[in-house]
Amino acid sequence: MNDYYYEKLFNIKTTGEQQGFYESHHYNRYEATSYTALETLFKEYPIKNTDTIVDFGCGKGRLAFYANYFFGSTVTGIEMNSNYFDTCINNKKTYSKNSNKNKDKINFINIFAEEYKISNFDNKFYFFNPFSLQIFIKVLNNILISIENNPRSIDLILYYPSDEYIDYLDNYTAFVLKDEITISNFFKFDNRQKFLIYTFTY
């Protein structure tokens, strides 16, 4: 399915150019996960309506609406860019008018990723290479503190993962690689066009 199909189905707007990029070497330029990639991910990695997903660097909210529409999942989008955050809020308004899904299960927060307080219910965390390793480590530490306070199994979903992220997870944490999902016939010559699923079982 193409972008137009999903944008019309959800009654949202998540395409277009980057706006108001934050000048920092710690935060990467935003790019939405393609709908083709999301289709591939969730065919191989089913989620439930009881899952609570946190999307770090959610941009305009594409993953949140996709996961909520098809699976009824709760999604929290973390976005530091105020322009994108405003777009998320507007998308949520138009999405709710065109869907019988529970819009209250979608939330967006205008905050830096490392400042987000992990909920006791958050159990899946999505990263499309949004920031530097230093910020990633701070976010992971926040997740681990939450697990200590409320023991549970959690998954990290990495799309287009950086070598730094992979090296850190493999060599310095208790997270274990559970699955690798490649995107067939997408960008054939880019071996980073894949999802890595890391899990932590308490």
N, C-alpha and C. Protein backbone atom coordinates (compact mmCIF):
# COMPACT_ATOMS: atom_id res chain seq x y z
N MET A 1 0.85 -1.19 0.00
CA MET A 1 0.00 0.00 0.00
C MET A 1 0.89 1.25 0.00
N ASN A 2 0.42 2.31 -0.65
CA ASN A 2 1.24 3.51 -0.70
C ASN A 2 0.84 4.50 0.39
N ASP A 3 1.61 5.59 0.46
CA ASP A 3 1.37 6.60 1.49
C ASP A 3 -0.05 7.16 1.41
N TYR A 4 -0.51 7.41 0.19
CA TYR A 4 -1.82 8.02 0.00
C TYR A 4 -2.91 7.15 0.62
N TYR A 5 -2.81 5.84 0.43
CA TYR A 5 -3.82 4.92 0.96
C TYR A 5 -3.94 5.05 2.48
N TYR A 6 -2.81 4.98 3.16
CA TYR A 6 -2.84 5.03 4.62
C TYR A 6 -3.21 6.41 5.16
N GLU A 7 -2.69 7.44 4.52
CA GLU A 7 -3.01 8.78 4.99
C GLU A 7 -4.51 9.04 4.88
N LYS A 8 -5.11 8.53 3.82
CA LYS A 8 -6.57 8.68 3.65
C LYS A 8 -7.31 7.80 4.65
N LEU A 9 -6.83 6.58 4.85
CA LEU A 9 -7.48 5.65 5.78
C LEU A 9 -7.49 6.22 7.20
N PHE A 10 -6.35 6.76 7.63
CA PHE A 10 -6.24 7.29 8.99
C PHE A 10 -6.72 8.73 9.10
N ASN A 11 -6.86 9.39 7.96
CA ASN A 11 -7.23 10.81 7.92
C ASN A 11 -6.20 11.67 8.67
N ILE A 12 -4.93 11.45 8.31
CA ILE A 12 -3.83 12.19 8.92
C ILE A 12 -2.87 12.65 7.83
N LYS A 13 -1.89 13.46 8.23
CA LYS A 13 -0.85 13.94 7.31
C LYS A 13 0.51 13.76 7.98
N THR A 14 1.27 12.78 7.50
CA THR A 14 2.58 12.53 8.08
C THR A 14 3.71 12.59 7.06
N THR A 15 3.38 12.98 5.85
CA THR A 15 4.40 13.13 4.81
C THR A 15 4.90 14.57 4.81
N GLY A 16 5.82 14.88 3.91
CA GLY A 16 6.32 16.26 3.80
C GLY A 16 7.73 16.40 4.33
N GLU A 17 8.27 17.61 4.17
CA GLU A 17 9.65 17.87 4.52
C GLU A 17 9.83 18.15 6.01
N GLN A 18 11.09 18.04 6.44
CA GLN A 18 11.42 18.34 7.83
C GLN A 18 11.22 19.82 8.11
N GLN A 19 10.74 20.14 9.30
CA GLN A 19 10.52 21.53 9.71
C GLN A 19 11.25 21.81 11.01
N GLY A 20 11.87 22.97 11.11
CA GLY A 20 12.43 23.45 12.37
C GLY A 20 13.37 22.46 13.03
N PHE A 21 14.39 22.00 12.30
CA PHE A 21 15.31 21.00 12.84
C PHE A 21 16.08 21.55 14.03
N TYR A 22 16.18 20.74 15.08
CA TYR A 22 16.89 21.14 16.29
C TYR A 22 18.38 21.03 16.06
N GLU A 23 19.10 22.12 16.26
CA GLU A 23 20.54 22.17 16.00
C GLU A 23 21.32 21.52 17.13
N SER A 24 21.63 20.24 16.97
CA SER A 24 22.40 19.54 17.98
C SER A 24 22.96 18.27 17.36
N HIS A 25 24.22 17.94 17.70
CA HIS A 25 24.80 16.71 17.18
C HIS A 25 24.25 15.48 17.90
N HIS A 26 23.45 15.69 18.95
CA HIS A 26 22.87 14.57 19.68
C HIS A 26 21.55 14.09 19.08
N TYR A 27 20.92 14.90 18.24
CA TYR A 27 19.61 14.54 17.71
C TYR A 27 19.66 14.49 16.19
N ASN A 28 19.22 13.38 15.64
CA ASN A 28 19.32 13.16 14.20
C ASN A 28 18.12 13.74 13.45
N ARG A 29 18.34 13.99 12.18
CA ARG A 29 17.29 14.52 11.32
C ARG A 29 16.13 13.53 11.24
N TYR A 30 14.92 14.04 11.38
CA TYR A 30 13.73 13.18 11.40
C TYR A 30 13.40 12.64 10.01
N GLU A 31 13.01 11.37 9.98
CA GLU A 31 12.45 10.75 8.78
C GLU A 31 11.42 9.74 9.24
N ALA A 32 10.24 9.80 8.67
CA ALA A 32 9.18 8.87 9.08
C ALA A 32 9.51 7.46 8.60
N THR A 33 9.17 6.47 9.42
CA THR A 33 9.25 5.08 8.99
C THR A 33 8.25 4.86 7.87
N SER A 34 8.70 4.29 6.76
CA SER A 34 7.80 4.09 5.62
C SER A 34 6.67 3.14 5.99
N TYR A 35 5.55 3.31 5.33
CA TYR A 35 4.44 2.39 5.56
C TYR A 35 4.81 0.97 5.12
N THR A 36 5.64 0.85 4.09
CA THR A 36 6.10 -0.47 3.67
C THR A 36 6.86 -1.16 4.78
N ALA A 37 7.72 -0.40 5.46
CA ALA A 37 8.48 -0.96 6.57
C ALA A 37 7.56 -1.36 7.72
N LEU A 38 6.57 -0.53 8.03
CA LEU A 38 5.63 -0.86 9.10
C LEU A 38 4.83 -2.12 8.77
N GLU A 39 4.42 -2.26 7.53
CA GLU A 39 3.72 -3.48 7.11
C GLU A 39 4.59 -4.71 7.37
N THR A 40 5.85 -4.62 6.99
CA THR A 40 6.78 -5.74 7.16
C THR A 40 6.99 -6.06 8.63
N LEU A 41 7.22 -5.03 9.43
CA LEU A 41 7.45 -5.23 10.86
C LEU A 41 6.31 -5.98 11.52
N PHE A 42 5.09 -5.49 11.32
CA PHE A 42 3.98 -6.03 12.09
C PHE A 42 3.42 -7.34 11.52
N LYS A 43 3.85 -7.72 10.32
CA LYS A 43 3.54 -9.06 9.83
C LYS A 43 4.37 -10.10 10.58
N GLU A 44 5.61 -9.71 10.90
CA GLU A 44 6.53 -10.63 11.57
C GLU A 44 6.53 -10.48 13.09
N TYR A 45 6.07 -9.33 13.55
CA TYR A 45 6.15 -9.02 14.98
C TYR A 45 4.78 -8.50 15.43
N PRO A 46 3.84 -9.40 15.68
CA PRO A 46 2.49 -8.97 16.05
C PRO A 46 2.46 -8.32 17.43
N ILE A 47 1.65 -7.29 17.56
CA ILE A 47 1.45 -6.63 18.84
C ILE A 47 -0.01 -6.77 19.25
N LYS A 48 -0.31 -6.41 20.50
CA LYS A 48 -1.64 -6.61 21.05
C LYS A 48 -2.26 -5.31 21.53
N ASN A 49 -3.55 -5.37 21.81
CA ASN A 49 -4.22 -4.18 22.34
C ASN A 49 -3.84 -3.92 23.79
N THR A 50 -3.14 -4.86 24.40
CA THR A 50 -2.67 -4.67 25.77
C THR A 50 -1.25 -4.10 25.82
N ASP A 51 -0.61 -4.00 24.67
CA ASP A 51 0.74 -3.44 24.62
C ASP A 51 0.72 -1.93 24.74
N THR A 52 1.75 -1.40 25.38
CA THR A 52 1.93 0.04 25.48
C THR A 52 3.28 0.39 24.87
N ILE A 53 3.24 1.08 23.76
CA ILE A 53 4.44 1.38 22.96
C ILE A 53 4.86 2.82 23.18
N VAL A 54 6.16 3.03 23.29
CA VAL A 54 6.70 4.39 23.33
C VAL A 54 7.55 4.58 22.08
N ASP A 55 7.22 5.59 21.30
CA ASP A 55 7.95 5.91 20.08
C ASP A 55 8.81 7.14 20.35
N PHE A 56 10.13 6.92 20.48
CA PHE A 56 11.04 8.03 20.74
C PHE A 56 11.42 8.72 19.44
N GLY A 57 11.07 10.00 19.34
CA GLY A 57 11.25 10.74 18.10
C GLY A 57 10.14 10.40 17.14
N CYS A 58 8.90 10.60 17.60
CA CYS A 58 7.73 10.11 16.85
C CYS A 58 7.39 10.96 15.63
N GLY A 59 8.03 12.13 15.49
CA GLY A 59 7.75 12.96 14.32
C GLY A 59 6.31 13.41 14.27
N LYS A 60 5.61 13.03 13.22
CA LYS A 60 4.22 13.43 13.03
C LYS A 60 3.22 12.37 13.49
N GLY A 61 3.74 11.29 14.11
CA GLY A 61 2.86 10.33 14.74
C GLY A 61 2.46 9.12 13.92
N ARG A 62 3.15 8.87 12.82
CA ARG A 62 2.73 7.80 11.91
C ARG A 62 2.60 6.45 12.59
N LEU A 63 3.64 6.03 13.32
CA LEU A 63 3.61 4.72 13.96
C LEU A 63 2.48 4.62 14.96
N ALA A 64 2.22 5.70 15.69
CA ALA A 64 1.16 5.68 16.71
C ALA A 64 -0.20 5.37 16.09
N PHE A 65 -0.51 6.03 15.00
CA PHE A 65 -1.81 5.83 14.36
C PHE A 65 -1.90 4.44 13.72
N TYR A 66 -0.81 3.99 13.14
CA TYR A 66 -0.79 2.66 12.53
C TYR A 66 -1.03 1.58 13.58
N ALA A 67 -0.28 1.63 14.68
CA ALA A 67 -0.39 0.61 15.72
C ALA A 67 -1.75 0.64 16.41
N ASN A 68 -2.29 1.83 16.59
CA ASN A 68 -3.59 1.95 17.24
C ASN A 68 -4.71 1.48 16.31
N TYR A 69 -4.64 1.85 15.05
CA TYR A 69 -5.71 1.53 14.11
C TYR A 69 -5.83 0.02 13.90
N PHE A 70 -4.70 -0.64 13.68
CA PHE A 70 -4.74 -2.06 13.33
C PHE A 70 -4.70 -2.99 14.53
N PHE A 71 -4.16 -2.55 15.65
CA PHE A 71 -3.98 -3.45 16.78
C PHE A 71 -4.62 -2.95 18.07
N GLY A 72 -5.08 -1.72 18.09
CA GLY A 72 -5.70 -1.17 19.29
C GLY A 72 -4.72 -0.91 20.41
N SER A 73 -3.42 -0.83 20.08
CA SER A 73 -2.39 -0.63 21.10
C SER A 73 -2.40 0.79 21.63
N THR A 74 -1.92 0.94 22.85
CA THR A 74 -1.67 2.25 23.44
C THR A 74 -0.30 2.71 22.98
N VAL A 75 -0.21 3.96 22.50
CA VAL A 75 1.07 4.47 22.02
C VAL A 75 1.31 5.87 22.58
N THR A 76 2.53 6.07 23.09
CA THR A 76 2.96 7.39 23.52
C THR A 76 4.07 7.84 22.60
N GLY A 77 3.87 8.95 21.92
CA GLY A 77 4.88 9.51 21.03
C GLY A 77 5.65 10.61 21.74
N ILE A 78 6.96 10.48 21.78
CA ILE A 78 7.82 11.48 22.40
C ILE A 78 8.48 12.29 21.29
N GLU A 79 8.23 13.61 21.30
CA GLU A 79 8.76 14.46 20.22
C GLU A 79 9.22 15.79 20.79
N MET A 80 10.50 16.12 20.57
CA MET A 80 11.06 17.36 21.09
C MET A 80 10.73 18.56 20.20
N ASN A 81 10.48 18.31 18.91
CA ASN A 81 10.23 19.39 17.95
C ASN A 81 8.79 19.88 18.09
N SER A 82 8.63 21.16 18.45
CA SER A 82 7.29 21.69 18.72
C SER A 82 6.42 21.72 17.47
N ASN A 83 7.04 21.91 16.29
CA ASN A 83 6.26 21.90 15.05
C ASN A 83 5.67 20.52 14.78
N TYR A 84 6.49 19.50 14.96
CA TYR A 84 6.00 18.14 14.77
C TYR A 84 4.97 17.77 15.83
N PHE A 85 5.22 18.20 17.04
CA PHE A 85 4.27 17.93 18.12
C PHE A 85 2.90 18.52 17.78
N ASP A 86 2.87 19.76 17.28
CA ASP A 86 1.61 20.38 16.89
C ASP A 86 0.93 19.58 15.78
N THR A 87 1.74 19.06 14.85
CA THR A 87 1.18 18.23 13.78
C THR A 87 0.57 16.95 14.34
N CYS A 88 1.25 16.36 15.33
CA CYS A 88 0.70 15.15 15.99
C CYS A 88 -0.67 15.43 16.61
N ILE A 89 -0.77 16.55 17.30
CA ILE A 89 -2.04 16.90 17.95
C ILE A 89 -3.13 17.11 16.92
N ASN A 90 -2.80 17.80 15.82
CA ASN A 90 -3.79 18.01 14.76
C ASN A 90 -4.18 16.69 14.11
N ASN A 91 -3.19 15.81 13.91
CA ASN A 91 -3.49 14.50 13.32
C ASN A 91 -4.41 13.69 14.24
N LYS A 92 -4.18 13.79 15.53
CA LYS A 92 -5.04 13.06 16.47
C LYS A 92 -6.48 13.55 16.38
N LYS A 93 -6.67 14.85 16.19
CA LYS A 93 -8.02 15.40 16.05
C LYS A 93 -8.71 14.88 14.80
N THR A 94 -8.01 14.88 13.68
CA THR A 94 -8.63 14.43 12.43
C THR A 94 -8.79 12.91 12.42
N TYR A 95 -7.85 12.20 13.03
CA TYR A 95 -7.92 10.74 13.12
C TYR A 95 -9.17 10.31 13.89
N SER A 96 -9.46 11.00 14.96
CA SER A 96 -10.59 10.61 15.80
C SER A 96 -11.92 10.84 15.10
N LYS A 97 -11.94 11.77 14.15
CA LYS A 97 -13.19 12.04 13.42
C LYS A 97 -13.47 10.96 12.38
N ASN A 98 -12.43 10.23 11.99
CA ASN A 98 -12.57 9.29 10.89
C ASN A 98 -12.36 7.84 11.32
N SER A 99 -12.38 7.61 12.62
CA SER A 99 -12.09 6.27 13.10
C SER A 99 -12.91 5.96 14.34
N ASN A 100 -13.26 4.69 14.49
CA ASN A 100 -13.95 4.26 15.70
C ASN A 100 -12.96 3.72 16.73
N LYS A 101 -11.68 3.95 16.48
CA LYS A 101 -10.66 3.49 17.42
C LYS A 101 -10.63 4.40 18.64
N ASN A 102 -10.03 3.91 19.71
CA ASN A 102 -9.97 4.66 20.96
C ASN A 102 -8.83 5.67 20.91
N LYS A 103 -9.17 6.91 20.59
CA LYS A 103 -8.14 7.94 20.46
C LYS A 103 -7.46 8.23 21.79
N ASP A 104 -8.11 7.91 22.91
CA ASP A 104 -7.50 8.14 24.22
C ASP A 104 -6.30 7.24 24.46
N LYS A 105 -6.12 6.23 23.61
CA LYS A 105 -4.96 5.35 23.75
C LYS A 105 -3.75 5.89 22.99
N ILE A 106 -3.88 7.07 22.38
CA ILE A 106 -2.77 7.73 21.70
C ILE A 106 -2.45 9.02 22.44
N ASN A 107 -1.19 9.17 22.82
CA ASN A 107 -0.76 10.37 23.53
C ASN A 107 0.56 10.87 22.95
N PHE A 108 0.71 12.18 22.90
CA PHE A 108 1.95 12.78 22.43
C PHE A 108 2.46 13.74 23.49
N ILE A 109 3.79 13.72 23.68
CA ILE A 109 4.41 14.56 24.69
C ILE A 109 5.55 15.34 24.05
N ASN A 110 5.56 16.65 24.22
CA ASN A 110 6.59 17.53 23.67
C ASN A 110 7.71 17.66 24.71
N ILE A 111 8.70 16.77 24.60
CA ILE A 111 9.74 16.68 25.62
C ILE A 111 10.97 16.00 25.01
N PHE A 112 12.13 16.22 25.60
CA PHE A 112 13.32 15.49 25.18
C PHE A 112 13.21 14.05 25.66
N ALA A 113 13.72 13.13 24.86
CA ALA A 113 13.54 11.69 25.14
C ALA A 113 14.05 11.31 26.52
N GLU A 114 15.20 11.82 26.90
CA GLU A 114 15.80 11.43 28.18
C GLU A 114 15.04 11.98 29.38
N GLU A 115 14.11 12.92 29.14
CA GLU A 115 13.32 13.50 30.22
C GLU A 115 11.99 12.77 30.43
N TYR A 116 11.67 11.86 29.53
CA TYR A 116 10.41 11.14 29.65
C TYR A 116 10.48 10.13 30.79
N LYS A 117 9.53 10.19 31.70
CA LYS A 117 9.46 9.24 32.80
C LYS A 117 8.72 7.99 32.33
N ILE A 118 9.42 6.88 32.31
CA ILE A 118 8.86 5.64 31.80
C ILE A 118 7.69 5.19 32.68
N SER A 119 6.57 4.90 32.05
CA SER A 119 5.40 4.41 32.78
C SER A 119 5.61 2.95 33.17
N ASN A 120 4.96 2.55 34.24
CA ASN A 120 5.02 1.15 34.66
C ASN A 120 4.36 0.21 33.66
N PHE A 121 3.59 0.78 32.72
CA PHE A 121 2.88 -0.04 31.74
C PHE A 121 3.61 -0.10 30.40
N ASP A 122 4.57 0.79 30.17
CA ASP A 122 5.31 0.79 28.90
C ASP A 122 6.08 -0.51 28.75
N ASN A 123 5.87 -1.21 27.64
CA ASN A 123 6.56 -2.49 27.47
C ASN A 123 7.22 -2.68 26.12
N LYS A 124 7.05 -1.72 25.20
CA LYS A 124 7.72 -1.78 23.91
C LYS A 124 8.21 -0.37 23.56
N PHE A 125 9.46 -0.29 23.11
CA PHE A 125 10.09 1.00 22.87
C PHE A 125 10.67 1.03 21.46
N TYR A 126 10.24 2.04 20.68
CA TYR A 126 10.59 2.10 19.26
C TYR A 126 11.61 3.21 19.01
N PHE A 127 12.65 2.86 18.27
CA PHE A 127 13.72 3.81 17.94
C PHE A 127 14.05 3.73 16.45
N PHE A 128 13.87 4.81 15.73
CA PHE A 128 14.35 4.91 14.36
C PHE A 128 15.60 5.79 14.39
N ASN A 129 16.64 5.28 15.07
CA ASN A 129 17.93 5.96 15.16
C ASN A 129 17.75 7.46 15.42
N PRO A 130 17.02 7.85 16.47
CA PRO A 130 16.62 9.26 16.63
C PRO A 130 17.68 10.18 17.24
N PHE A 131 18.65 9.59 17.95
CA PHE A 131 19.60 10.46 18.65
C PHE A 131 20.92 9.72 18.89
N SER A 132 21.87 10.42 19.49
CA SER A 132 23.21 9.90 19.70
C SER A 132 23.21 8.74 20.70
N LEU A 133 24.32 8.03 20.73
CA LEU A 133 24.47 6.93 21.68
C LEU A 133 24.34 7.43 23.12
N GLN A 134 24.86 8.62 23.39
CA GLN A 134 24.79 9.17 24.75
C GLN A 134 23.35 9.31 25.22
N ILE A 135 22.49 9.81 24.36
CA ILE A 135 21.07 9.96 24.71
C ILE A 135 20.41 8.59 24.79
N PHE A 136 20.77 7.70 23.89
CA PHE A 136 20.22 6.34 23.89
C PHE A 136 20.51 5.65 25.23
N ILE A 137 21.73 5.80 25.72
CA ILE A 137 22.10 5.19 27.00
C ILE A 137 21.28 5.77 28.14
N LYS A 138 21.05 7.08 28.13
CA LYS A 138 20.23 7.70 29.17
C LYS A 138 18.80 7.15 29.14
N VAL A 139 18.26 6.98 27.95
CA VAL A 139 16.90 6.44 27.81
C VAL A 139 16.86 4.99 28.29
N LEU A 140 17.86 4.19 27.92
CA LEU A 140 17.92 2.81 28.38
C LEU A 140 17.98 2.74 29.90
N ASN A 141 18.76 3.61 30.51
CA ASN A 141 18.84 3.62 31.97
C ASN A 141 17.49 3.94 32.59
N ASN A 142 16.75 4.86 31.98
CA ASN A 142 15.41 5.17 32.48
C ASN A 142 14.49 3.96 32.38
N ILE A 143 14.63 3.22 31.29
CA ILE A 143 13.82 2.01 31.11
C ILE A 143 14.18 0.97 32.17
N LEU A 144 15.46 0.79 32.43
CA LEU A 144 15.90 -0.21 33.41
C LEU A 144 15.46 0.16 34.82
N ILE A 145 15.48 1.44 35.14
CA ILE A 145 14.98 1.88 36.46
C ILE A 145 13.50 1.53 36.59
N SER A 146 12.74 1.74 35.51
CA SER A 146 11.32 1.42 35.53
C SER A 146 11.10 -0.07 35.73
N ILE A 147 11.94 -0.90 35.11
CA ILE A 147 11.82 -2.35 35.25
C ILE A 147 12.11 -2.77 36.69
N GLU A 148 13.08 -2.11 37.31
CA GLU A 148 13.38 -2.42 38.72
C GLU A 148 12.19 -2.10 39.62
N ASN A 149 11.53 -0.99 39.30
CA ASN A 149 10.38 -0.57 40.12
C ASN A 149 9.15 -1.42 39.84
N ASN A 150 9.02 -1.88 38.62
CA ASN A 150 7.87 -2.70 38.23
C ASN A 150 8.35 -3.80 37.29
N PRO A 151 8.80 -4.93 37.83
CA PRO A 151 9.38 -6.00 37.02
C PRO A 151 8.45 -6.46 35.91
N ARG A 152 8.99 -6.53 34.70
CA ARG A 152 8.22 -6.97 33.54
C ARG A 152 9.19 -7.19 32.37
N SER A 153 8.73 -7.92 31.37
CA SER A 153 9.51 -8.12 30.15
C SER A 153 9.23 -6.96 29.19
N ILE A 154 10.27 -6.49 28.54
CA ILE A 154 10.09 -5.39 27.58
C ILE A 154 10.90 -5.69 26.31
N ASP A 155 10.48 -5.04 25.23
CA ASP A 155 11.18 -5.15 23.95
C ASP A 155 11.64 -3.79 23.48
N LEU A 156 12.81 -3.76 22.85
CA LEU A 156 13.27 -2.59 22.11
C LEU A 156 13.15 -2.91 20.63
N ILE A 157 12.54 -2.02 19.87
CA ILE A 157 12.39 -2.20 18.43
C ILE A 157 13.26 -1.14 17.75
N LEU A 158 14.33 -1.58 17.09
CA LEU A 158 15.24 -0.67 16.42
C LEU A 158 15.06 -0.76 14.91
N TYR A 159 14.81 0.37 14.28
CA TYR A 159 14.73 0.40 12.82
C TYR A 159 15.93 1.17 12.29
N TYR A 160 16.53 0.63 11.24
CA TYR A 160 17.74 1.23 10.67
C TYR A 160 18.76 1.48 11.78
N PRO A 161 19.09 0.44 12.54
CA PRO A 161 19.91 0.62 13.75
C PRO A 161 21.34 1.03 13.45
N SER A 162 21.88 1.90 14.27
CA SER A 162 23.27 2.32 14.12
C SER A 162 24.18 1.26 14.71
N ASP A 163 25.41 1.19 14.23
CA ASP A 163 26.38 0.24 14.76
C ASP A 163 26.65 0.52 16.24
N GLU A 164 26.61 1.80 16.62
CA GLU A 164 26.86 2.15 18.02
C GLU A 164 25.78 1.58 18.94
N TYR A 165 24.52 1.70 18.51
CA TYR A 165 23.43 1.14 19.30
C TYR A 165 23.62 -0.37 19.48
N ILE A 166 23.90 -1.04 18.37
CA ILE A 166 24.03 -2.50 18.39
C ILE A 166 25.19 -2.93 19.29
N ASP A 167 26.32 -2.27 19.13
CA ASP A 167 27.50 -2.61 19.93
C ASP A 167 27.22 -2.43 21.42
N TYR A 168 26.55 -1.34 21.77
CA TYR A 168 26.28 -1.08 23.18
C TYR A 168 25.32 -2.14 23.74
N LEU A 169 24.27 -2.43 23.03
CA LEU A 169 23.30 -3.42 23.51
C LEU A 169 23.92 -4.80 23.63
N ASP A 170 24.74 -5.18 22.66
CA ASP A 170 25.33 -6.52 22.65
C ASP A 170 26.40 -6.71 23.71
N ASN A 171 27.12 -5.66 24.03
CA ASN A 171 28.31 -5.81 24.87
C ASN A 171 28.21 -5.19 26.27
N TYR A 172 27.22 -4.34 26.48
CA TYR A 172 27.18 -3.63 27.76
C TYR A 172 25.83 -3.68 28.46
N THR A 173 24.92 -4.48 27.96
CA THR A 173 23.60 -4.57 28.59
C THR A 173 23.14 -6.02 28.67
N ALA A 174 22.06 -6.24 29.38
CA ALA A 174 21.47 -7.58 29.50
C ALA A 174 20.40 -7.83 28.44
N PHE A 175 20.22 -6.88 27.52
CA PHE A 175 19.26 -7.09 26.44
C PHE A 175 19.79 -8.17 25.48
N VAL A 176 18.87 -8.98 24.98
CA VAL A 176 19.23 -10.07 24.07
C VAL A 176 18.51 -9.87 22.74
N LEU A 177 19.24 -10.07 21.65
CA LEU A 177 18.63 -9.96 20.33
C LEU A 177 17.67 -11.12 20.12
N LYS A 178 16.39 -10.80 19.92
CA LYS A 178 15.36 -11.82 19.77
C LYS A 178 15.02 -12.09 18.32
N ASP A 179 15.07 -11.06 17.49
CA ASP A 179 14.65 -11.25 16.10
C ASP A 179 15.26 -10.17 15.21
N GLU A 180 15.45 -10.53 13.96
CA GLU A 180 15.90 -9.58 12.93
C GLU A 180 14.93 -9.69 11.77
N ILE A 181 14.34 -8.57 11.40
CA ILE A 181 13.34 -8.55 10.34
C ILE A 181 13.86 -7.68 9.21
N THR A 182 14.14 -8.29 8.08
CA THR A 182 14.64 -7.55 6.93
C THR A 182 13.48 -7.09 6.06
N ILE A 183 13.72 -6.02 5.33
CA ILE A 183 12.69 -5.46 4.45
C ILE A 183 13.01 -5.86 3.02
N SER A 184 12.33 -6.88 2.54
CA SER A 184 12.61 -7.44 1.22
C SER A 184 12.31 -6.45 0.11
N ASN A 185 13.22 -6.41 -0.86
CA ASN A 185 13.03 -5.60 -2.08
C ASN A 185 12.75 -4.14 -1.77
N PHE A 186 13.31 -3.65 -0.69
CA PHE A 186 13.07 -2.23 -0.36
C PHE A 186 14.29 -1.45 -0.81
N PHE A 187 15.30 -1.28 0.01
CA PHE A 187 16.56 -0.72 -0.43
C PHE A 187 17.57 -1.87 -0.43
N LYS A 188 17.69 -2.50 -1.57
CA LYS A 188 18.41 -3.76 -1.67
C LYS A 188 19.85 -3.67 -1.17
N PHE A 189 20.50 -2.55 -1.40
CA PHE A 189 21.94 -2.47 -1.16
C PHE A 189 22.26 -1.83 0.19
N ASP A 190 21.29 -1.66 1.03
CA ASP A 190 21.51 -1.07 2.35
C ASP A 190 21.14 -2.10 3.40
N ASN A 191 22.17 -2.74 3.99
CA ASN A 191 21.88 -3.81 4.95
C ASN A 191 21.38 -3.31 6.29
N ARG A 192 21.25 -1.99 6.44
CA ARG A 192 20.67 -1.46 7.67
C ARG A 192 19.15 -1.30 7.55
N GLN A 193 18.60 -1.60 6.39
CA GLN A 193 17.15 -1.53 6.22
C GLN A 193 16.52 -2.78 6.84
N LYS A 194 16.46 -2.76 8.17
CA LYS A 194 15.94 -3.90 8.90
C LYS A 194 15.48 -3.44 10.28
N PHE A 195 14.76 -4.31 10.93
CA PHE A 195 14.37 -4.12 12.32
C PHE A 195 15.12 -5.14 13.18
N LEU A 196 15.63 -4.67 14.31
CA LEU A 196 16.19 -5.57 15.31
C LEU A 196 15.32 -5.49 16.55
N ILE A 197 14.92 -6.64 17.06
CA ILE A 197 14.10 -6.69 18.27
C ILE A 197 14.96 -7.23 19.41
N TYR A 198 15.20 -6.40 20.39
CA TYR A 198 15.93 -6.80 21.58
C TYR A 198 14.93 -6.96 22.74
N THR A 199 15.18 -7.96 23.57
CA THR A 199 14.26 -8.21 24.67
C THR A 199 14.99 -8.25 26.00
N PHE A 200 14.29 -7.88 27.04
CA PHE A 200 14.78 -8.00 28.40
C PHE A 200 13.70 -8.72 29.20
N THR A 201 14.06 -9.87 29.71
CA THR A 201 13.11 -10.66 30.50
C THR A 201 13.52 -10.62 31.94
N TYR A 202 12.63 -10.09 32.78
CA TYR A 202 12.96 -9.94 34.20
C TYR A 202 12.82 -11.27 34.92
